[in-house]
């Protein structure tokens, strides 16, 4: 059964159609066989009852003619006695042939009864011929009216017994034919019902298997449409629907792997974004610190500019002092005192210049560190 369920759907359908055709042919064969049985029964009934009844009917009709011939014997003249004897002989031959044909269809006792009854009747003909030739009309009349009537009753009784036997046999044959017909009908119906049930059972199994597989695939597809990737159609067969379910499962697995990969990439992107945000924050902090250091450098540069201006002013003042010393050489004593004061001022300016130079060096180091 599993092997059959693994076959393609088309093969299953064609197999059901083939099985249905086999059932139809089987029913037709059974029906033909039963019809043949009925035909044989009909032929047997014809052979055993219809034909014997036909022969017996011929004997009855012939006997009616035989009786009529004997009953008119007293009207026959002596000259016609030989013609009467010839007619009687012909009818006797015909009747005996009919009796011989009927004998196989009758019991031996009834066949002997008929032979005896007709033999007695033929004896009456044999007795009437000499009487006719002798012109003994009175004896002929007594023979035909009394003796022939009694012997005719014997023949009629034998014929009635044979007819009853054949009628009973015909009734039995008819009853047997009806039984055979009923049996044939029952056999055909049983074959039809059994074959139909087998086809229907197999059809139901195939249809249920295919529909169940399709429903499972449909449910999985609906779950996929609803966003549920965990439903898998479990189809145990390897037909078209089974292969479709397998490919569906493979496709869903690929889709799940793709979604996992995309999710991993999204997580990596989030982590990289966090790192970029951290780097940006660091850059902003460094920028702010550099801006602050630039302010310090600007302040230092402004201080240096002021110191340079001070030095320049001191240098200009020193030049004026020298010119004044040269112009006033004659006043050395007075200027010497002033020169001492200027020298002290100059030393102070030189010290301040050294301090400014140190500050400039610190600013340069700061700029180098920033760079």
Protein backbone atom coordinates (compact mmCIF):
# COMPACT_ATOMS: atom_id res chain seq x y z
CA UNK A 1 0.00 0.00 0.00
CA UNK A 2 2.84 2.39 0.84
CA UNK A 3 4.42 1.68 -2.55
CA UNK A 4 1.12 2.57 -4.25
CA UNK A 5 0.72 5.77 -2.22
CA UNK A 6 4.22 6.87 -3.26
CA UNK A 7 3.24 6.72 -6.94
CA UNK A 8 2.30 9.95 -8.78
CA UNK A 9 -1.26 11.17 -8.48
CA UNK A 10 -1.89 10.47 -12.17
CA UNK A 11 -0.82 6.85 -11.67
CA UNK A 12 -3.20 6.55 -8.71
CA UNK A 13 -6.10 7.94 -10.72
CA UNK A 14 -5.33 5.73 -13.71
CA UNK A 15 -5.02 2.73 -11.40
CA UNK A 16 -8.45 3.44 -9.95
CA UNK A 17 -9.87 3.77 -13.45
CA UNK A 18 -8.17 0.52 -14.47
CA UNK A 19 -9.51 -1.24 -11.39
CA UNK A 20 -12.97 0.08 -12.18
CA UNK A 21 -12.62 -1.24 -15.73
CA UNK A 22 -11.50 -4.64 -14.37
CA UNK A 23 -14.50 -4.70 -12.04
CA UNK A 24 -16.80 -3.83 -14.93
CA UNK A 25 -15.27 -6.57 -17.07
CA UNK A 26 -15.50 -9.01 -14.16
CA UNK A 27 -19.16 -8.19 -13.63
CA UNK A 28 -19.76 -8.55 -17.36
CA UNK A 29 -17.99 -11.92 -17.34
CA UNK A 30 -20.02 -13.10 -14.36
CA UNK A 31 -23.21 -11.88 -16.02
CA UNK A 32 -22.27 -13.65 -19.25
CA UNK A 33 -21.56 -16.86 -17.36
CA UNK A 34 -24.89 -16.64 -15.56
CA UNK A 35 -26.68 -15.90 -18.82
CA UNK A 36 -25.01 -18.97 -20.29
CA UNK A 37 -26.28 -20.99 -17.32
CA UNK A 38 -29.77 -19.60 -17.88
CA UNK A 39 -29.54 -20.38 -21.59
CA UNK A 40 -28.49 -23.94 -20.81
CA UNK A 41 -31.38 -24.22 -18.37
CA UNK A 42 -33.76 -22.88 -20.99
CA UNK A 43 -32.47 -25.35 -23.53
CA UNK A 44 -32.74 -28.16 -21.03
CA UNK A 45 -36.29 -27.14 -20.20
CA UNK A 46 -37.13 -27.13 -23.90
CA UNK A 47 -35.58 -30.55 -24.35
CA UNK A 48 -37.18 -32.05 -21.27
CA UNK A 49 -40.62 -30.44 -21.23
CA UNK A 50 -41.50 -28.27 -24.21
CA UNK A 51 -40.61 -30.79 -26.91
CA UNK A 52 -42.22 -33.75 -25.10
CA UNK A 53 -45.36 -31.70 -24.52
CA UNK A 54 -45.39 -30.83 -28.22
CA UNK A 55 -45.05 -34.52 -29.12
CA UNK A 56 -47.76 -35.43 -26.60
CA UNK A 57 -50.03 -32.78 -28.08
CA UNK A 58 -49.43 -34.32 -31.50
CA UNK A 59 -50.37 -37.73 -30.09
CA UNK A 60 -53.58 -36.28 -28.64
CA UNK A 61 -54.51 -34.72 -31.96
CA UNK A 62 -53.63 -37.92 -33.81
CA UNK A 63 -55.65 -40.02 -31.39
CA UNK A 64 -58.65 -37.75 -31.99
CA UNK A 65 -58.33 -38.58 -35.70
CA UNK A 66 -57.87 -42.26 -34.90
CA UNK A 67 -61.05 -42.28 -32.81
CA UNK A 68 -62.99 -40.45 -35.51
CA UNK A 69 -61.86 -43.01 -38.08
CA UNK A 70 -62.93 -45.93 -35.88
CA UNK A 71 -66.26 -44.31 -34.96
CA UNK A 72 -67.19 -44.05 -38.65
CA UNK A 73 -66.34 -47.67 -39.39
CA UNK A 74 -70.03 -48.83 -39.40
CA UNK A 75 -70.65 -46.52 -42.36
CA UNK A 76 -67.95 -48.18 -44.46
CA UNK A 77 -69.01 -50.77 -46.98
CA UNK A 78 -67.31 -54.12 -47.53
CA UNK A 79 -65.68 -52.77 -50.69
CA UNK A 80 -63.93 -50.04 -48.66
CA UNK A 81 -62.72 -52.36 -45.90
CA UNK A 82 -59.21 -52.61 -47.44
CA UNK A 83 -58.94 -48.81 -47.69
CA UNK A 84 -60.01 -48.61 -44.07
CA UNK A 85 -57.33 -51.14 -43.11
CA UNK A 86 -54.67 -49.19 -45.03
CA UNK A 87 -55.67 -45.92 -43.33
CA UNK A 88 -55.56 -47.64 -39.93
CA UNK A 89 -52.10 -49.07 -40.65
CA UNK A 90 -50.78 -45.65 -41.66
CA UNK A 91 -52.14 -44.00 -38.55
CA UNK A 92 -50.81 -46.78 -36.36
CA UNK A 93 -47.30 -46.33 -37.81
CA UNK A 94 -47.45 -42.57 -37.22
CA UNK A 95 -48.70 -42.99 -33.64
CA UNK A 96 -46.10 -45.60 -32.75
CA UNK A 97 -43.36 -43.30 -34.02
CA UNK A 98 -44.68 -40.51 -31.80
CA UNK A 99 -44.84 -42.86 -28.81
CA UNK A 100 -41.25 -43.96 -29.44
CA UNK A 101 -40.18 -40.28 -29.54
CA UNK A 102 -42.00 -39.56 -26.28
CA UNK A 103 -40.78 -42.66 -24.41
CA UNK A 104 -37.35 -41.23 -23.28
CA UNK A 105 -39.10 -38.29 -21.58
CA UNK A 106 -41.48 -40.46 -19.57
CA UNK A 107 -40.99 -42.91 -16.77
CA UNK A 108 -40.91 -46.50 -18.03
CA UNK A 109 -44.23 -47.32 -16.34
CA UNK A 110 -46.06 -44.44 -18.01
CA UNK A 111 -44.47 -45.21 -21.38
CA UNK A 112 -45.58 -48.86 -21.06
CA UNK A 113 -49.05 -47.69 -20.02
CA UNK A 114 -49.36 -45.62 -23.18
CA UNK A 115 -48.07 -48.44 -25.36
CA UNK A 116 -50.56 -50.87 -23.79
CA UNK A 117 -53.49 -48.45 -24.15
CA UNK A 118 -52.76 -47.77 -27.82
CA UNK A 119 -52.10 -51.46 -28.52
CA UNK A 120 -55.60 -52.23 -27.20
CA UNK A 121 -57.04 -49.53 -29.39
CA UNK A 122 -55.26 -50.87 -32.51
CA UNK A 123 -56.75 -54.25 -31.76
CA UNK A 124 -60.20 -52.73 -32.19
CA UNK A 125 -59.19 -51.68 -35.71
CA UNK A 126 -57.92 -55.18 -36.38
CA UNK A 127 -61.29 -56.58 -35.22
CA UNK A 128 -63.32 -54.09 -37.26
CA UNK A 129 -61.66 -54.92 -40.63
CA UNK A 130 -62.90 -58.56 -40.83
CA UNK A 131 -66.34 -57.45 -39.71
CA UNK A 132 -66.43 -54.85 -42.47
CA UNK A 133 -65.33 -57.37 -45.06
CA UNK A 134 -68.06 -59.80 -43.81
CA UNK A 135 -70.68 -57.02 -43.83
CA UNK A 136 -71.44 -57.58 -40.14
CA UNK A 137 -72.77 -54.09 -39.46
CA UNK A 138 -74.26 -54.92 -36.03
CA UNK A 139 -70.94 -56.14 -34.68
CA UNK A 140 -69.13 -53.14 -36.17
CA UNK A 141 -71.64 -50.79 -34.61
CA UNK A 142 -71.29 -52.42 -31.16
CA UNK A 143 -67.54 -52.35 -31.50
CA UNK A 144 -67.39 -48.67 -32.38
CA UNK A 145 -70.01 -47.45 -29.92
CA UNK A 146 -69.29 -49.57 -26.83
CA UNK A 147 -65.92 -51.26 -26.91
CA UNK A 148 -64.13 -48.39 -28.67
CA UNK A 149 -65.57 -45.90 -26.18
CA UNK A 150 -64.27 -47.91 -23.22
CA UNK A 151 -60.82 -48.41 -24.75
CA UNK A 152 -60.74 -44.73 -25.74
CA UNK A 153 -61.17 -43.81 -22.09
CA UNK A 154 -58.16 -46.00 -21.24
CA UNK A 155 -56.06 -44.23 -23.86
CA UNK A 156 -57.27 -40.83 -22.66
CA UNK A 157 -56.35 -41.72 -19.07
CA UNK A 158 -52.84 -42.79 -20.12
CA UNK A 159 -52.42 -39.61 -22.15
CA UNK A 160 -53.67 -37.50 -19.19
CA UNK A 161 -51.18 -39.18 -16.84
CA UNK A 162 -48.35 -38.51 -19.27
CA UNK A 163 -49.49 -34.91 -19.74
CA UNK A 164 -49.65 -34.39 -15.96
CA UNK A 165 -46.19 -35.83 -15.53
CA UNK A 166 -44.78 -33.55 -18.22
CA UNK A 167 -46.68 -30.56 -16.79
CA UNK A 168 -45.24 -31.23 -13.33
CA UNK A 169 -41.81 -31.58 -14.90
CA UNK A 170 -42.31 -28.29 -16.74
CA UNK A 171 -43.35 -26.56 -13.53
CA UNK A 172 -40.23 -27.92 -11.84
CA UNK A 173 -38.11 -26.72 -14.75
CA UNK A 174 -39.71 -23.28 -14.57
CA UNK A 175 -39.11 -23.13 -10.82
CA UNK A 176 -35.52 -24.23 -11.37
CA UNK A 177 -35.15 -21.60 -14.09
CA UNK A 178 -36.46 -18.94 -11.73
CA UNK A 179 -34.02 -20.11 -9.08
CA UNK A 180 -31.18 -19.97 -11.56
CA UNK A 181 -32.28 -16.51 -12.68
CA UNK A 182 -32.45 -15.32 -9.08
CA UNK A 183 -29.05 -16.86 -8.39
CA UNK A 184 -27.60 -15.24 -11.50
CA UNK A 185 -29.06 -11.88 -10.51
CA UNK A 186 -27.70 -12.23 -6.98
CA UNK A 187 -24.26 -13.22 -8.26
CA UNK A 188 -24.15 -10.25 -10.63
CA UNK A 189 -25.29 -7.88 -7.90
CA UNK A 190 -22.79 -9.30 -5.40
CA UNK A 191 -19.97 -9.03 -7.92
CA UNK A 192 -21.02 -5.47 -8.76
CA UNK A 193 -21.33 -4.43 -5.12
CA UNK A 194 -18.07 -6.07 -4.05
CA UNK A 195 -16.18 -4.60 -7.00
CA UNK A 196 -17.70 -1.18 -6.43
CA UNK A 197 -16.88 -1.32 -2.72
CA UNK A 198 -13.28 -2.27 -3.46
CA UNK A 199 -12.93 0.58 -5.96
CA UNK A 200 -14.66 3.01 -3.61
CA UNK A 201 -12.53 1.95 -0.64
CA UNK A 202 -9.31 2.37 -2.59
CA UNK A 203 -10.60 5.65 -4.00
CA UNK A 204 -11.44 6.93 -0.52
CA UNK A 205 -7.97 5.96 0.73
CA UNK A 206 -6.27 7.72 -2.18
CA UNK A 207 -8.47 10.82 -2.00
CA UNK A 208 -8.07 11.14 1.77
CA UNK A 209 -4.31 10.72 1.54
CA UNK A 210 -4.00 13.35 -1.20
CA UNK A 211 -6.40 15.80 0.45
CA UNK A 212 -4.74 15.42 3.85
CA UNK A 213 -1.35 16.12 2.30
CA UNK A 214 -2.71 19.17 0.49
CA UNK A 215 -4.38 20.43 3.69
CA UNK A 216 -1.10 20.10 5.57
CA UNK A 217 0.75 22.08 2.91
CA UNK A 218 -2.03 24.67 2.85
CA UNK A 219 -1.89 25.04 6.66
CA UNK A 220 1.89 25.50 6.53
CA UNK A 221 1.53 28.10 3.76
CA UNK A 222 -1.12 29.96 5.78
CA UNK A 223 1.15 29.91 8.82
CA UNK A 224 3.97 31.30 6.68
CA UNK A 225 1.65 34.05 5.45
CA UNK A 226 0.87 34.85 9.10
CA UNK A 227 4.58 35.11 9.89
CA UNK A 228 4.96 31.74 11.60
CA UNK A 229 8.00 29.91 10.24
CA UNK A 230 7.85 26.97 12.66
CA UNK A 231 5.05 25.01 10.93
CA UNK A 232 6.27 22.22 8.64
CA UNK A 233 3.97 20.02 6.54
CA UNK A 234 4.72 16.39 7.38
CA UNK A 235 3.73 14.38 4.27
CA UNK A 236 4.84 10.72 4.49
CA UNK A 237 4.45 9.96 0.78
CA UNK A 238 6.70 10.71 -2.17
CA UNK A 239 4.18 11.74 -4.80
CA UNK A 240 3.84 15.25 -6.23
CA UNK A 241 2.31 16.60 -3.02
CA UNK A 242 4.99 14.95 -0.89
CA UNK A 243 7.76 16.39 -3.05
CA UNK A 244 6.08 19.79 -2.92
CA UNK A 245 6.00 19.59 0.90
CA UNK A 246 9.69 18.65 0.98
CA UNK A 247 10.62 21.57 -1.26
CA UNK A 248 8.44 23.86 0.85
CA UNK A 249 10.30 22.76 3.99
CA UNK A 250 13.63 23.29 2.26
CA UNK A 251 12.58 26.77 1.13
CA UNK A 252 11.41 27.70 4.62
CA UNK A 253 14.73 26.48 6.09
CA UNK A 254 16.59 28.64 3.59
CA UNK A 255 14.35 31.58 4.48
CA UNK A 256 14.97 31.02 8.20
CA UNK A 257 18.75 30.89 7.62
CA UNK A 258 18.53 34.10 5.58
CA UNK A 259 16.54 35.84 8.30
CA UNK A 260 19.08 34.69 10.90
CA UNK A 261 21.91 36.02 8.76
CA UNK A 262 20.11 39.35 8.30
CA UNK A 263 19.43 39.50 12.03
CA UNK A 264 23.11 38.84 12.77
CA UNK A 265 24.12 41.53 10.30
CA UNK A 266 21.67 43.95 11.95
CA UNK A 267 23.13 43.19 15.37
CA UNK A 268 26.65 43.75 14.00
CA UNK A 269 25.52 47.01 12.43
CA UNK A 270 24.05 48.12 15.78
CA UNK A 271 27.31 47.31 17.53
CA UNK A 272 29.29 49.17 14.85
CA UNK A 273 26.91 52.10 15.19
CA UNK A 274 27.53 52.15 18.94
CA UNK A 275 31.26 52.12 18.33
CA UNK A 276 30.92 54.96 15.81
CA UNK A 277 28.87 56.89 18.32
CA UNK A 278 31.56 56.35 20.95
CA UNK A 279 34.27 57.46 18.51
CA UNK A 280 32.20 60.52 17.61
CA UNK A 281 31.85 61.39 21.28
CA UNK A 282 35.62 61.02 21.70
CA UNK A 283 36.22 63.24 18.68
CA UNK A 284 33.86 65.86 20.09
CA UNK A 285 35.63 65.70 23.46
CA UNK A 286 39.06 65.98 21.81
CA UNK A 287 37.76 68.83 19.70
CA UNK A 288 36.52 70.63 22.77
CA UNK A 289 39.84 70.01 24.52
CA UNK A 290 41.75 71.23 21.50
CA UNK A 291 39.56 74.29 21.42
CA UNK A 292 40.33 74.92 25.07
CA UNK A 293 44.08 74.45 24.47
CA UNK A 294 43.82 76.78 21.48
CA UNK A 295 42.35 79.37 23.85
CA UNK A 296 45.29 78.85 26.18
CA UNK A 297 47.69 79.24 23.26
CA UNK A 298 45.92 82.41 22.20
CA UNK A 299 46.21 83.81 25.73
CA UNK A 300 49.88 82.85 25.85
CA UNK A 301 50.46 84.45 22.46
CA UNK A 302 48.76 87.60 23.66
CA UNK A 303 50.97 87.57 26.75
CA UNK A 304 54.07 87.14 24.59
CA UNK A 305 52.92 90.02 22.42
CA UNK A 306 52.61 92.19 25.49
CA UNK A 307 56.04 91.05 26.71
CA UNK A 308 57.57 91.84 23.33
CA UNK A 309 55.99 95.25 23.39
CA UNK A 310 57.43 95.75 26.88
CA UNK A 311 60.87 94.63 25.68
CA UNK A 312 60.62 96.97 22.70
CA UNK A 313 59.67 99.82 24.98
CA UNK A 314 62.59 98.93 27.25
CA UNK A 315 64.95 98.81 24.31
CA UNK A 316 63.76 102.19 23.11
CA UNK A 317 64.20 103.54 26.59
CA UNK A 318 67.68 102.04 26.76
CA UNK A 319 68.61 103.70 23.47
CA UNK A 320 67.47 107.04 24.78
CA UNK A 321 69.54 106.46 27.91
CA UNK A 322 72.65 105.72 25.90
CA UNK A 323 72.16 108.82 23.78
CA UNK A 324 71.69 110.79 26.87
CA UNK A 325 74.88 109.30 28.35
CA UNK A 326 76.80 110.21 25.19
CA UNK A 327 75.34 113.67 25.18
CA UNK A 328 76.00 114.23 28.75
CA UNK A 329 79.47 112.71 29.17
CA UNK A 330 80.45 115.73 30.96
CA UNK A 331 77.98 115.06 33.61
CA UNK A 332 79.31 111.54 34.43
CA UNK A 333 78.72 111.73 38.00
CA UNK A 334 75.17 112.72 37.59
CA UNK A 335 74.56 110.28 34.74
CA UNK A 336 76.47 107.45 36.50
CA UNK A 337 73.92 107.54 39.16
CA UNK A 338 71.21 107.56 36.64
CA UNK A 339 73.04 104.77 34.67
CA UNK A 340 73.03 102.60 37.74
CA UNK A 341 69.29 103.01 37.94
CA UNK A 342 68.89 102.29 34.25
CA UNK A 343 71.12 99.23 34.54
CA UNK A 344 68.93 97.96 37.32
CA UNK A 345 65.87 98.56 35.19
CA UNK A 346 67.55 96.83 32.27
CA UNK A 347 68.36 93.77 34.34
CA UNK A 348 64.76 93.62 35.42
CA UNK A 349 63.60 93.80 31.80
CA UNK A 350 66.04 91.05 30.78
CA UNK A 351 64.70 88.84 33.58
CA UNK A 352 61.14 89.46 32.42
CA UNK A 353 62.20 88.64 28.84
CA UNK A 354 63.59 85.30 30.04
CA UNK A 355 60.32 84.53 31.74
CA UNK A 356 58.44 85.38 28.51
CA UNK A 357 60.79 83.12 26.53
CA UNK A 358 60.02 80.23 28.91
CA UNK A 359 56.30 80.83 28.48
CA UNK A 360 56.71 80.85 24.69
CA UNK A 361 58.55 77.52 24.92
CA UNK A 362 55.69 76.02 26.94
CA UNK A 363 53.21 77.24 24.37
CA UNK A 364 55.28 75.69 21.57
CA UNK A 365 55.40 72.35 23.44
CA UNK A 366 51.63 72.45 23.91
CA UNK A 367 51.08 73.12 20.21
CA UNK A 368 53.44 70.21 19.35
CA UNK A 369 51.57 67.89 21.69
CA UNK A 370 48.27 68.85 20.08
CA UNK A 371 49.66 68.32 16.63
